[in-house]
Protein backbone atom coordinates (compact mmCIF):
# COMPACT_ATOMS: atom_id res chain seq x y z
CA UNK A 1 -0.88 -18.22 26.92
CA UNK A 2 2.27 -18.49 24.96
CA UNK A 3 5.44 -16.73 26.46
CA UNK A 4 8.30 -15.19 24.53
CA UNK A 5 10.68 -17.50 26.46
CA UNK A 6 8.54 -20.52 25.23
CA UNK A 7 8.73 -19.26 21.64
CA UNK A 8 12.52 -18.76 21.82
CA UNK A 9 12.83 -22.42 22.97
CA UNK A 10 10.72 -23.53 20.05
CA UNK A 11 13.14 -21.58 18.02
CA UNK A 12 15.91 -23.43 19.26
CA UNK A 13 14.25 -26.71 18.49
CA UNK A 14 13.92 -25.59 14.78
CA UNK A 15 17.14 -23.68 14.33
CA UNK A 16 18.15 -26.12 11.58
CA UNK A 17 14.82 -26.80 10.23
CA UNK A 18 13.15 -24.79 7.32
CA UNK A 19 9.95 -23.20 9.04
CA UNK A 20 7.13 -21.19 8.11
CA UNK A 21 6.15 -18.56 10.56
CA UNK A 22 2.77 -16.79 10.14
CA UNK A 23 1.63 -13.78 12.28
CA UNK A 24 -1.97 -12.49 11.53
CA UNK A 25 -3.84 -9.37 12.51
CA UNK A 26 -6.99 -10.77 13.89
CA UNK A 27 -8.98 -7.70 14.33
CA UNK A 28 -12.25 -7.40 12.45
CA UNK A 29 -14.52 -4.71 13.77
CA UNK A 30 -16.69 -4.95 10.72
CA UNK A 31 -18.88 -8.13 10.52
CA UNK A 32 -18.26 -8.15 6.70
CA UNK A 33 -14.60 -8.54 7.19
CA UNK A 34 -14.99 -11.52 9.54
CA UNK A 35 -12.62 -13.53 7.28
CA UNK A 36 -10.15 -10.80 6.32
CA UNK A 37 -7.35 -12.87 7.93
CA UNK A 38 -7.78 -15.60 5.23
CA UNK A 39 -7.11 -12.91 2.55
CA UNK A 40 -4.10 -11.74 4.67
CA UNK A 41 -2.82 -15.26 4.87
CA UNK A 42 -3.24 -15.68 1.00
CA UNK A 43 -1.37 -12.60 0.48
CA UNK A 44 1.64 -13.47 2.54
CA UNK A 45 1.63 -17.07 0.70
CA UNK A 46 1.87 -15.34 -2.61
CA UNK A 47 4.58 -12.80 -1.31
CA UNK A 48 6.85 -15.73 0.11
CA UNK A 49 6.30 -17.91 -3.15
CA UNK A 50 7.64 -14.96 -5.29
CA UNK A 51 10.45 -14.45 -2.87
CA UNK A 52 11.39 -18.15 -3.37
CA UNK A 53 11.04 -18.14 -7.19
CA UNK A 54 14.72 -18.75 -7.56
CA UNK A 55 15.28 -21.08 -4.58
CA UNK A 56 16.24 -24.82 -5.10
CA UNK A 57 13.44 -27.06 -6.13
CA UNK A 58 13.60 -29.04 -2.78
CA UNK A 59 13.07 -25.83 -0.79
CA UNK A 60 9.99 -24.69 -2.76
CA UNK A 61 8.59 -28.13 -2.22
CA UNK A 62 9.12 -27.96 1.49
CA UNK A 63 7.44 -24.60 1.38
CA UNK A 64 4.49 -25.91 -0.60
CA UNK A 65 3.95 -29.02 2.00
CA UNK A 66 3.93 -26.46 4.94
CA UNK A 67 1.40 -24.32 3.16
CA UNK A 68 -0.77 -27.28 2.24
CA UNK A 69 -0.47 -28.62 5.93
CA UNK A 70 -1.45 -25.24 7.25
CA UNK A 71 -4.50 -24.85 4.89
CA UNK A 72 -5.77 -28.19 5.80
CA UNK A 73 -5.49 -27.33 9.55
CA UNK A 74 -7.44 -24.20 9.15
CA UNK A 75 -10.09 -25.36 6.94
CA UNK A 76 -12.57 -26.02 9.49
CA UNK A 77 -12.25 -22.44 10.97
CA UNK A 78 -15.27 -20.01 10.13
CA UNK A 79 -15.50 -16.28 10.91
CA UNK A 80 -13.18 -14.33 12.90
CA UNK A 81 -9.94 -15.34 14.57
CA UNK A 82 -11.36 -14.45 17.96
CA UNK A 83 -8.22 -12.88 19.17
CA UNK A 84 -6.30 -9.42 18.26
CA UNK A 85 -3.49 -11.40 16.90
CA UNK A 86 -2.56 -14.92 15.77
CA UNK A 87 0.79 -17.06 15.35
CA UNK A 88 1.27 -20.08 13.57
CA UNK A 89 4.34 -22.18 12.86
CA UNK A 90 4.77 -25.02 10.44
CA UNK A 91 7.66 -27.36 9.93
CA UNK A 92 8.25 -30.53 8.17
CA UNK A 93 4.43 -30.49 6.90
CA UNK A 94 3.33 -30.26 10.49
CA UNK A 95 1.66 -27.50 12.42
CA UNK A 96 3.89 -27.04 15.36
CA UNK A 97 2.01 -24.03 16.85
CA UNK A 98 -1.46 -22.52 16.85
CA UNK A 99 -1.65 -19.57 19.32
CA UNK A 100 -4.13 -16.73 19.66
CA UNK A 101 -2.29 -13.40 20.80
CA UNK A 102 -3.75 -11.00 23.33
CA UNK A 103 -2.01 -8.01 21.53
CA UNK A 104 -2.23 -6.96 17.84
CA UNK A 105 0.52 -7.93 15.76
CA UNK A 106 1.22 -7.05 12.05
CA UNK A 107 0.63 -9.58 9.37
CA UNK A 108 4.01 -11.14 8.62
CA UNK A 109 5.06 -14.34 7.05
CA UNK A 110 8.55 -15.57 7.24
CA UNK A 111 10.31 -18.67 5.59
CA UNK A 112 13.60 -19.76 7.03
CA UNK A 113 15.43 -21.62 9.72
CA UNK A 114 13.77 -21.16 13.09
CA UNK A 115 10.86 -18.96 14.22
CA UNK A 116 10.45 -15.31 13.44
CA UNK A 117 10.57 -13.78 16.89
CA UNK A 118 10.39 -9.88 16.61
CA UNK A 119 6.56 -9.62 15.74
CA UNK A 120 5.63 -11.68 18.69
CA UNK A 121 6.93 -8.63 20.86
CA UNK A 122 4.57 -6.33 19.23
CA UNK A 123 1.80 -8.35 20.75
CA UNK A 124 2.67 -7.78 24.29
CA UNK A 125 1.23 -4.24 24.12
CA UNK A 126 -1.94 -5.26 25.87
CA UNK A 127 -2.46 -4.97 29.65
CA UNK A 128 -1.09 -8.47 30.25
CA UNK A 129 0.56 -9.33 33.62
CA UNK A 130 -0.31 -9.79 37.17
CA UNK A 131 -1.26 -7.44 40.03
CA UNK A 132 -2.80 -7.41 43.39
CA UNK A 133 -6.22 -5.46 44.05
CA UNK A 134 -7.42 -4.32 47.35
CA UNK A 135 -11.07 -3.28 47.63
CA UNK A 136 -11.94 -1.82 51.13
CA UNK A 137 -14.85 -0.52 52.98
CA UNK A 138 -15.67 0.39 56.47
CA UNK A 139 -16.04 -3.26 57.54
CA UNK A 140 -13.42 -5.15 55.61
CA UNK A 141 -10.79 -5.22 52.97
CA UNK A 142 -10.74 -7.85 50.23
CA UNK A 143 -7.32 -8.75 48.56
CA UNK A 144 -7.48 -10.20 45.11
CA UNK A 145 -4.69 -11.66 42.78
CA UNK A 146 -5.27 -10.75 39.25
CA UNK A 147 -3.56 -12.71 36.43
CA UNK A 148 -4.03 -12.86 32.76
CA UNK A 149 -6.69 -15.44 32.95
CA UNK A 150 -8.10 -15.17 36.46
CA UNK A 151 -9.32 -12.93 39.38
CA UNK A 152 -9.41 -14.61 42.70
CA UNK A 153 -9.59 -13.63 46.25
CA UNK A 154 -6.84 -14.47 48.47
CA UNK A 155 -7.59 -12.70 51.78
CA UNK A 156 -10.02 -10.66 53.72
CA UNK A 157 -8.87 -8.29 56.58
CA UNK A 158 -11.91 -7.29 58.75
CA UNK A 159 -12.49 -4.31 61.18
CA UNK A 160 -12.71 -5.44 64.77
CA UNK A 161 -14.68 -3.26 67.24
CA UNK A 162 -15.47 -3.64 70.85
CA UNK A 163 -18.84 -5.17 71.39
CA UNK A 164 -19.74 -3.12 74.58
CA UNK A 165 -19.31 0.19 72.53
CA UNK A 166 -21.55 -1.00 69.83
CA UNK A 167 -24.10 -1.98 72.41
CA UNK A 168 -23.74 1.46 74.02
CA UNK A 169 -24.20 3.26 70.64
CA UNK A 170 -27.29 1.22 69.81
CA UNK A 171 -29.00 2.11 73.05
CA UNK A 172 -28.09 5.80 72.38
CA UNK A 173 -29.56 5.50 68.88
CA UNK A 174 -32.84 4.20 70.41
CA UNK A 175 -32.97 7.63 72.41
CA UNK A 176 -33.59 6.44 75.97
CA UNK A 177 -35.02 9.38 77.96
CA UNK A 178 -33.07 8.33 81.14
CA UNK A 179 -29.73 8.63 79.43
CA UNK A 180 -29.78 12.45 79.13
CA UNK A 181 -26.67 13.36 77.36
CA UNK A 182 -24.94 10.23 77.95
CA UNK A 183 -26.27 8.73 74.68
CA UNK A 184 -24.44 11.40 72.63
CA UNK A 185 -21.31 10.74 74.70
CA UNK A 186 -21.82 6.89 73.94
CA UNK A 187 -22.28 7.46 70.23
CA UNK A 188 -19.16 9.69 70.00
CA UNK A 189 -17.10 6.96 71.91
CA UNK A 190 -18.40 4.38 69.55
CA UNK A 191 -17.71 6.27 66.62
CA UNK A 192 -14.04 6.95 67.81
CA UNK A 193 -13.80 3.30 68.40
CA UNK A 194 -14.84 2.54 64.77
CA UNK A 195 -12.32 4.91 63.43
CA UNK A 196 -9.63 3.39 65.46
CA UNK A 197 -10.95 -0.09 64.30
CA UNK A 198 -10.85 0.99 60.70
CA UNK A 199 -7.18 2.37 61.18
CA UNK A 200 -6.11 -0.71 62.72
CA UNK A 201 -7.60 -2.74 59.87
CA UNK A 202 -5.83 -0.53 57.18
CA UNK A 203 -2.65 -0.82 59.03
CA UNK A 204 -2.82 -4.63 59.13
CA UNK A 205 -3.83 -4.78 55.61
CA UNK A 206 -0.95 -2.46 54.43
CA UNK A 207 1.50 -4.96 56.32
CA UNK A 208 -0.13 -7.93 54.66
CA UNK A 209 0.11 -6.28 51.09
CA UNK A 210 3.78 -5.36 51.88
CA UNK A 211 4.52 -9.36 52.47
CA UNK A 212 2.81 -10.12 48.97
CA UNK A 213 4.92 -10.29 45.77
CA UNK A 214 6.70 -6.80 45.82
CA UNK A 215 7.39 -6.44 42.22
CA UNK A 216 3.63 -6.48 41.31
CA UNK A 217 1.66 -3.38 41.26
CA UNK A 218 -1.15 -2.73 43.82
CA UNK A 219 -4.56 -1.39 42.60
CA UNK A 220 -6.73 0.19 45.62
CA UNK A 221 -10.34 0.90 45.44
CA UNK A 222 -13.54 0.75 47.54
CA UNK A 223 -15.36 3.35 49.69
CA UNK A 224 -14.05 6.81 48.46
CA UNK A 225 -13.60 8.28 52.12
CA UNK A 226 -11.16 5.58 52.78
CA UNK A 227 -9.03 5.47 49.63
CA UNK A 228 -6.76 8.32 50.91
CA UNK A 229 -6.26 6.57 54.43
CA UNK A 230 -5.48 3.37 52.71
CA UNK A 231 -2.98 4.72 50.30
CA UNK A 232 -1.37 6.51 53.29
CA UNK A 233 -1.11 3.24 55.24
CA UNK A 234 0.33 1.51 52.54
CA UNK A 235 2.92 4.35 51.91
CA UNK A 236 3.84 4.28 55.34
CA UNK A 237 4.41 0.43 55.24
CA UNK A 238 6.75 0.94 52.15
CA UNK A 239 4.62 -0.58 49.67
CA UNK A 240 5.96 1.23 46.47
CA UNK A 241 3.90 0.54 43.28
CA UNK A 242 0.31 1.63 44.60
CA UNK A 243 -2.35 2.92 42.22
CA UNK A 244 -5.45 4.70 43.40
CA UNK A 245 -8.58 3.17 41.41
CA UNK A 246 -11.67 5.07 42.03
CA UNK A 247 -13.57 3.12 39.46
CA UNK A 248 -13.49 0.26 41.64
CA UNK A 249 -16.37 0.61 44.34
CA UNK A 250 -16.71 -1.33 47.57
CA UNK A 251 -18.83 -3.90 45.90
CA UNK A 252 -16.83 -4.44 42.83
CA UNK A 253 -17.44 -7.69 40.88
CA UNK A 254 -14.73 -9.89 39.23
CA UNK A 255 -15.52 -8.58 35.81
CA UNK A 256 -15.06 -4.94 36.95
CA UNK A 257 -11.72 -5.79 38.69
CA UNK A 258 -10.21 -7.72 35.60
CA UNK A 259 -11.30 -4.53 33.43
CA UNK A 260 -9.86 -1.95 35.77
CA UNK A 261 -6.50 -3.99 36.24
CA UNK A 262 -6.27 -4.42 32.36
CA UNK A 263 -6.63 -0.82 31.74
CA UNK A 264 -4.39 0.18 34.50
CA UNK A 265 -1.60 -2.00 33.44
CA UNK A 266 -1.96 -0.53 29.88
CA UNK A 267 -1.59 2.75 31.33
CA UNK A 268 1.58 1.69 33.42
CA UNK A 269 3.06 0.17 30.41
CA UNK A 270 2.62 3.33 28.14
CA UNK A 271 4.21 5.41 30.92
CA UNK A 272 7.05 3.19 31.28
CA UNK A 273 7.51 3.05 27.34
CA UNK A 274 7.55 6.73 27.22
CA UNK A 275 10.06 6.87 30.14
CA UNK A 276 12.37 4.37 28.40
CA UNK A 277 12.30 6.29 25.05
CA UNK A 278 12.93 9.69 26.51
CA UNK A 279 15.82 8.29 28.66
CA UNK A 280 17.29 6.64 25.42
CA UNK A 281 17.04 9.88 23.33
CA UNK A 282 18.39 11.97 26.31
CA UNK A 283 21.42 9.91 26.45
CA UNK A 284 21.90 9.93 22.79
CA UNK A 285 21.55 13.67 22.81
CA UNK A 286 24.12 14.03 25.58
CA UNK A 287 26.51 11.71 23.52
CA UNK A 288 26.35 9.22 26.36
CA UNK A 289 25.29 5.64 26.78
CA UNK A 290 22.40 5.65 24.25
CA UNK A 291 21.88 5.76 20.30
CA UNK A 292 19.01 6.08 17.84
CA UNK A 293 18.57 5.11 14.35
CA UNK A 294 18.74 1.87 12.56
CA UNK A 295 22.35 1.98 11.11
CA UNK A 296 23.96 3.01 14.68
CA UNK A 297 21.65 0.44 16.38
CA UNK A 298 23.06 -2.10 13.98
CA UNK A 299 26.68 -1.12 14.70
CA UNK A 300 26.19 -1.25 18.55
CA UNK A 301 24.72 -4.68 18.25
CA UNK A 302 27.78 -5.75 16.21
CA UNK A 303 29.89 -4.44 18.75
CA UNK A 304 28.12 -6.47 21.43
CA UNK A 305 27.72 -3.23 23.62
CA UNK A 306 23.88 -3.19 23.89
CA UNK A 307 22.07 -3.40 27.13
CA UNK A 308 18.64 -2.72 25.89
CA UNK A 309 17.35 -2.70 22.35
CA UNK A 310 14.20 -0.62 21.80
CA UNK A 311 12.08 -0.96 18.48
CA UNK A 312 8.81 0.68 17.57
CA UNK A 313 5.94 -1.47 16.41
CA UNK A 314 6.05 0.31 13.16
CA UNK A 315 9.71 -0.66 12.75
CA UNK A 316 9.08 -4.28 13.15
CA UNK A 317 5.95 -4.15 10.66
CA UNK A 318 7.65 -2.13 7.91
CA UNK A 319 11.20 -3.57 8.27
CA UNK A 320 10.60 -7.33 9.72
CA UNK A 321 13.89 -8.74 8.31
CA UNK A 322 15.98 -6.03 10.04
CA UNK A 323 13.97 -6.23 13.20
CA UNK A 324 14.65 -9.85 13.31
CA UNK A 325 18.24 -9.63 12.89
CA UNK A 326 18.34 -6.97 15.64
CA UNK A 327 16.45 -9.04 17.96
CA UNK A 328 18.37 -12.05 17.66
CA UNK A 329 21.63 -10.24 17.90
CA UNK A 330 20.23 -8.79 21.03
CA UNK A 331 19.20 -12.18 22.65
CA UNK A 332 22.72 -13.45 21.67
CA UNK A 333 24.41 -10.99 23.91
CA UNK A 334 21.67 -11.23 26.73
CA UNK A 335 20.35 -7.71 26.08
CA UNK A 336 16.76 -6.83 26.98
CA UNK A 337 14.41 -6.28 24.00
CA UNK A 338 11.55 -3.88 24.17
CA UNK A 339 8.88 -3.03 21.36
CA UNK A 340 7.03 0.28 22.15
CA UNK A 341 3.80 1.48 20.80
CA UNK A 342 1.38 4.51 21.05
CA UNK A 343 3.17 8.01 21.83
CA UNK A 344 6.51 6.34 22.79
CA UNK A 345 6.67 4.73 19.31
CA UNK A 346 6.02 8.00 17.63
CA UNK A 347 8.60 9.72 19.48
CA UNK A 348 11.19 6.88 18.77
CA UNK A 349 10.10 6.76 15.02
CA UNK A 350 11.26 10.50 14.72
CA UNK A 351 14.76 9.03 15.28
CA UNK A 352 14.44 5.97 12.99
CA UNK A 353 12.28 3.64 15.10
CA UNK A 354 15.28 1.95 16.59
CA UNK A 355 17.64 2.61 19.30
CA UNK A 356 19.75 1.11 22.25
CA UNK A 357 20.77 1.72 25.73
CA UNK A 358 24.50 0.74 25.93
CA UNK A 359 26.87 -1.15 28.38
CA UNK A 360 29.68 0.88 27.01
CA UNK A 361 29.99 3.16 24.11
CA UNK A 362 31.72 1.75 21.00
CA UNK A 363 31.56 5.21 19.07
CA UNK A 364 34.06 7.25 21.01
CA UNK A 365 37.08 7.98 19.14
CA UNK A 366 40.54 6.94 20.68
CA UNK A 367 42.75 9.77 21.53
CA UNK A 368 45.65 10.31 19.13
CA UNK A 369 49.09 9.67 20.69
CA UNK A 370 51.78 12.36 20.21
CA UNK A 371 53.12 12.24 16.61
CA UNK A 372 50.04 10.34 15.13
CA UNK A 373 47.32 11.91 13.08
CA UNK A 374 43.84 11.58 14.78
CA UNK A 375 41.37 9.49 12.61
CA UNK A 376 37.75 10.59 11.98
């Protein structure tokens, strides 16, 4: 799957080349709208042609060659795009990129040097990413690595019990009349041994998980009675980002694991976006290292004081040219760029849809020296 870094690299290759970039919303819930993306593509083509009406003849010809190359390239496609979004890049009458996107992107076309970068960040809102998954029962715990395209088992930690105790418990279950009360004692001892073995297994599991990639979240499912103990064992081992996932049963299949991780990553991302926007607005309200609104965001970017640029997905869709300038300016000063959606986007839109966390504030007025007038 295409990454943002890959797109930035392609933009570097085409920075001096007239380039056509097209993002399309590929969703089609109604079967009657299976080819809605074609109408959207035609509408963007018409809009861009009108914008180029006063451009030099050579530029209009270059645009036409790119459009014709794209139409010929897509002529064989029937039905839906089979993805929530799509990105195409054309340059020198050649299709340079044809990429389905996991997340929804607004329909945006751009003609100019280099590739349009900002809309791509809207498509990252889906539950993409990697995670570890632990599914435990009384006998064993399976450890999975879940990535964007695969779920694979990487290890199994098993419960080890003493064979003699298991044999004694089995005899007790058969109800031998010569054992008297010893059968009950044997069963109790075997049960204690099983509990201790499960605890050892969970401690071993927790230590194993701690040694895995620490930055990735760990989703824990399995037998409901073991979940609390498994979570406590991981907390004791210092595993930080652990998410209890009761929907994953002890016999969860690969498809169920992938679906649960996707939904869990979406929730984690939404929570992180909400926290980011709340922190930005808190700092802005405190007149500290934060600002919100398009004008003040642009000024902070011009002053190269930005640590993190935050845009709502609606801001990118409605003001794509401004968003593109903001994103490129942020990248030029090694700032993070985040595009938020959902509740976080709605909260940010109340303050203009754009904001920044700052490395330093360029807005503080300088104190006036004695004998000088303070400027506003």
